[in-house]
Amino acid sequence: MFAEAWAWMTDLGNSKVLALLIFMPLFLAIVAWVYGNRRRSERLESYKYMPFLDEEPEGDQKGELK
C-alpha cells in the first residue's frame, strides 16, 4: 500500500495536484493572516514606500559628514 501511494505521489501528473492542494490553502491562509487584522494590514501598507524614503545624512545640521 505504501509503495502504491509513493508511486502515485512521484508521478508528475499527480504531484502537481498534490502540491496545489498543499500550497494554495497555505498561501490563502498567509494572505488572510496578514490582511485579516486591520492594524497589521495598515502597518504593512505603511511600509510599501520605505525603499523610496531619503536617508538622513550622518553628521551635524550643517551637512558635514563625520
N, C-alpha and C. Protein backbone atom coordinates (compact mmCIF):
# COMPACT_ATOMS: atom_id res chain seq x y z
N MET A 1 0.82 -1.19 0.00
CA MET A 1 0.00 0.00 0.00
C MET A 1 0.88 1.26 0.00
N PHE A 2 1.95 1.26 0.80
CA PHE A 2 2.85 2.41 0.84
C PHE A 2 3.53 2.60 -0.51
N ALA A 3 3.89 1.50 -1.13
CA ALA A 3 4.55 1.59 -2.44
C ALA A 3 3.61 2.18 -3.49
N GLU A 4 2.33 1.83 -3.42
CA GLU A 4 1.36 2.38 -4.36
C GLU A 4 1.16 3.88 -4.13
N ALA A 5 1.09 4.28 -2.86
CA ALA A 5 0.94 5.71 -2.55
C ALA A 5 2.17 6.49 -2.98
N TRP A 6 3.36 5.92 -2.76
CA TRP A 6 4.59 6.58 -3.17
C TRP A 6 4.67 6.70 -4.70
N ALA A 7 4.25 5.66 -5.38
CA ALA A 7 4.26 5.69 -6.84
C ALA A 7 3.26 6.73 -7.36
N TRP A 8 2.12 6.87 -6.68
CA TRP A 8 1.13 7.87 -7.08
C TRP A 8 1.69 9.27 -6.87
N MET A 9 2.37 9.52 -5.74
CA MET A 9 2.90 10.85 -5.45
C MET A 9 4.08 11.21 -6.36
N THR A 10 4.88 10.25 -6.74
CA THR A 10 6.04 10.56 -7.58
C THR A 10 5.69 10.71 -9.05
N ASP A 11 4.50 10.32 -9.44
CA ASP A 11 4.05 10.57 -10.81
C ASP A 11 3.88 12.07 -10.99
N LEU A 12 4.50 12.67 -12.01
CA LEU A 12 4.49 14.12 -12.17
C LEU A 12 3.09 14.69 -12.32
N GLY A 13 2.21 13.99 -12.93
CA GLY A 13 0.83 14.48 -13.08
C GLY A 13 0.13 14.58 -11.74
N ASN A 14 0.35 13.63 -10.86
CA ASN A 14 -0.30 13.63 -9.55
C ASN A 14 0.41 14.55 -8.56
N SER A 15 1.72 14.68 -8.68
CA SER A 15 2.44 15.50 -7.72
C SER A 15 2.09 16.98 -7.89
N LYS A 16 1.74 17.40 -9.10
CA LYS A 16 1.32 18.78 -9.31
C LYS A 16 0.00 19.06 -8.60
N VAL A 17 -0.90 18.11 -8.66
CA VAL A 17 -2.19 18.25 -7.98
C VAL A 17 -1.97 18.27 -6.47
N LEU A 18 -1.11 17.40 -5.99
CA LEU A 18 -0.82 17.35 -4.56
C LEU A 18 -0.18 18.64 -4.08
N ALA A 19 0.75 19.18 -4.85
CA ALA A 19 1.39 20.44 -4.49
C ALA A 19 0.38 21.58 -4.49
N LEU A 20 -0.52 21.60 -5.44
CA LEU A 20 -1.57 22.62 -5.48
C LEU A 20 -2.46 22.53 -4.25
N LEU A 21 -2.82 21.32 -3.88
CA LEU A 21 -3.69 21.14 -2.71
C LEU A 21 -3.00 21.51 -1.41
N ILE A 22 -1.69 21.43 -1.38
CA ILE A 22 -0.96 21.79 -0.17
C ILE A 22 -0.68 23.29 -0.13
N PHE A 23 -0.15 23.85 -1.23
CA PHE A 23 0.35 25.21 -1.20
C PHE A 23 -0.71 26.28 -1.42
N MET A 24 -1.80 26.00 -2.11
CA MET A 24 -2.84 27.01 -2.31
C MET A 24 -3.52 27.36 -0.98
N PRO A 25 -3.97 26.39 -0.18
CA PRO A 25 -4.54 26.77 1.12
C PRO A 25 -3.52 27.45 2.04
N LEU A 26 -2.26 27.04 1.95
CA LEU A 26 -1.23 27.69 2.76
C LEU A 26 -1.08 29.15 2.34
N PHE A 27 -1.03 29.43 1.06
CA PHE A 27 -0.92 30.80 0.56
C PHE A 27 -2.13 31.63 0.99
N LEU A 28 -3.32 31.07 0.85
CA LEU A 28 -4.53 31.80 1.23
C LEU A 28 -4.58 32.06 2.73
N ALA A 29 -4.08 31.12 3.53
CA ALA A 29 -4.04 31.31 4.98
C ALA A 29 -3.07 32.42 5.35
N ILE A 30 -1.93 32.49 4.68
CA ILE A 30 -0.97 33.57 4.96
C ILE A 30 -1.55 34.92 4.57
N VAL A 31 -2.19 35.00 3.43
CA VAL A 31 -2.81 36.26 3.00
C VAL A 31 -3.92 36.67 3.97
N ALA A 32 -4.73 35.72 4.41
CA ALA A 32 -5.79 36.03 5.37
C ALA A 32 -5.20 36.47 6.70
N TRP A 33 -4.09 35.87 7.12
CA TRP A 33 -3.46 36.25 8.39
C TRP A 33 -2.89 37.67 8.30
N VAL A 34 -2.27 37.99 7.17
CA VAL A 34 -1.65 39.32 7.02
C VAL A 34 -2.72 40.41 6.94
N TYR A 35 -3.72 40.22 6.12
CA TYR A 35 -4.71 41.26 5.89
C TYR A 35 -5.96 41.11 6.77
N GLY A 36 -6.02 40.08 7.61
CA GLY A 36 -7.18 39.87 8.46
C GLY A 36 -7.23 40.83 9.63
N ASN A 37 -6.10 41.22 10.16
CA ASN A 37 -6.03 42.14 11.27
C ASN A 37 -5.84 43.54 10.70
N ARG A 38 -6.71 44.47 11.04
CA ARG A 38 -6.67 45.82 10.46
C ARG A 38 -5.39 46.55 10.83
N ARG A 39 -4.95 46.44 12.09
CA ARG A 39 -3.74 47.15 12.49
C ARG A 39 -2.51 46.60 11.77
N ARG A 40 -2.43 45.28 11.66
CA ARG A 40 -1.29 44.68 10.95
C ARG A 40 -1.32 45.06 9.49
N SER A 41 -2.49 45.08 8.89
CA SER A 41 -2.62 45.44 7.49
C SER A 41 -2.19 46.89 7.25
N GLU A 42 -2.62 47.80 8.12
CA GLU A 42 -2.24 49.20 7.96
C GLU A 42 -0.73 49.38 8.18
N ARG A 43 -0.16 48.66 9.12
CA ARG A 43 1.27 48.76 9.37
C ARG A 43 2.06 48.27 8.17
N LEU A 44 1.67 47.15 7.60
CA LEU A 44 2.37 46.62 6.43
C LEU A 44 2.19 47.52 5.21
N GLU A 45 1.01 48.10 5.06
CA GLU A 45 0.79 49.02 3.95
C GLU A 45 1.65 50.27 4.09
N SER A 46 1.93 50.69 5.33
CA SER A 46 2.76 51.88 5.52
C SER A 46 4.21 51.61 5.15
N TYR A 47 4.62 50.38 5.08
CA TYR A 47 6.00 50.03 4.73
C TYR A 47 6.25 50.04 3.22
N LYS A 48 5.24 50.17 2.40
CA LYS A 48 5.44 50.00 0.96
C LYS A 48 6.29 51.09 0.33
N TYR A 49 6.39 52.27 0.95
CA TYR A 49 7.21 53.34 0.39
C TYR A 49 8.56 53.44 1.07
N MET A 50 8.88 52.51 1.95
CA MET A 50 10.13 52.57 2.70
C MET A 50 11.38 52.62 1.80
N PRO A 51 11.46 51.89 0.69
CA PRO A 51 12.67 51.97 -0.14
C PRO A 51 12.88 53.34 -0.78
N PHE A 52 11.83 54.14 -0.88
CA PHE A 52 11.94 55.43 -1.54
C PHE A 52 12.23 56.59 -0.58
N LEU A 53 12.22 56.31 0.71
CA LEU A 53 12.47 57.37 1.69
C LEU A 53 13.95 57.75 1.65
N ASP A 54 14.22 59.04 1.81
CA ASP A 54 15.60 59.51 1.82
C ASP A 54 16.26 59.16 3.15
N GLU A 55 17.53 58.83 3.06
CA GLU A 55 18.29 58.56 4.27
C GLU A 55 18.80 59.88 4.82
N GLU A 56 18.83 60.00 6.14
CA GLU A 56 19.35 61.20 6.76
C GLU A 56 20.87 61.12 6.75
N PRO A 57 21.53 62.20 6.38
CA PRO A 57 23.00 62.17 6.35
C PRO A 57 23.58 62.10 7.76
N GLU A 58 24.69 61.40 7.88
CA GLU A 58 25.37 61.34 9.16
C GLU A 58 26.16 62.63 9.36
N GLY A 59 26.07 63.21 10.51
CA GLY A 59 26.79 64.46 10.76
C GLY A 59 25.88 65.46 11.43
N ASP A 60 26.37 66.71 11.53
CA ASP A 60 25.59 67.71 12.21
C ASP A 60 24.61 68.37 11.24
N GLN A 61 23.99 69.42 11.69
CA GLN A 61 22.93 70.05 10.91
C GLN A 61 23.46 70.81 9.69
N LYS A 62 24.74 71.12 9.63
CA LYS A 62 25.31 71.86 8.51
C LYS A 62 25.57 70.95 7.30
N GLY A 63 25.35 69.68 7.47
CA GLY A 63 25.56 68.76 6.38
C GLY A 63 26.97 68.19 6.31
N GLU A 64 27.77 68.50 7.31
CA GLU A 64 29.15 67.97 7.33
C GLU A 64 29.10 66.52 7.78
N LEU A 65 29.82 65.70 7.09
CA LEU A 65 29.88 64.29 7.47
C LEU A 65 30.93 64.10 8.54
N LYS A 66 30.69 63.14 9.38
CA LYS A 66 31.65 62.81 10.44
C LYS A 66 32.80 62.04 9.91
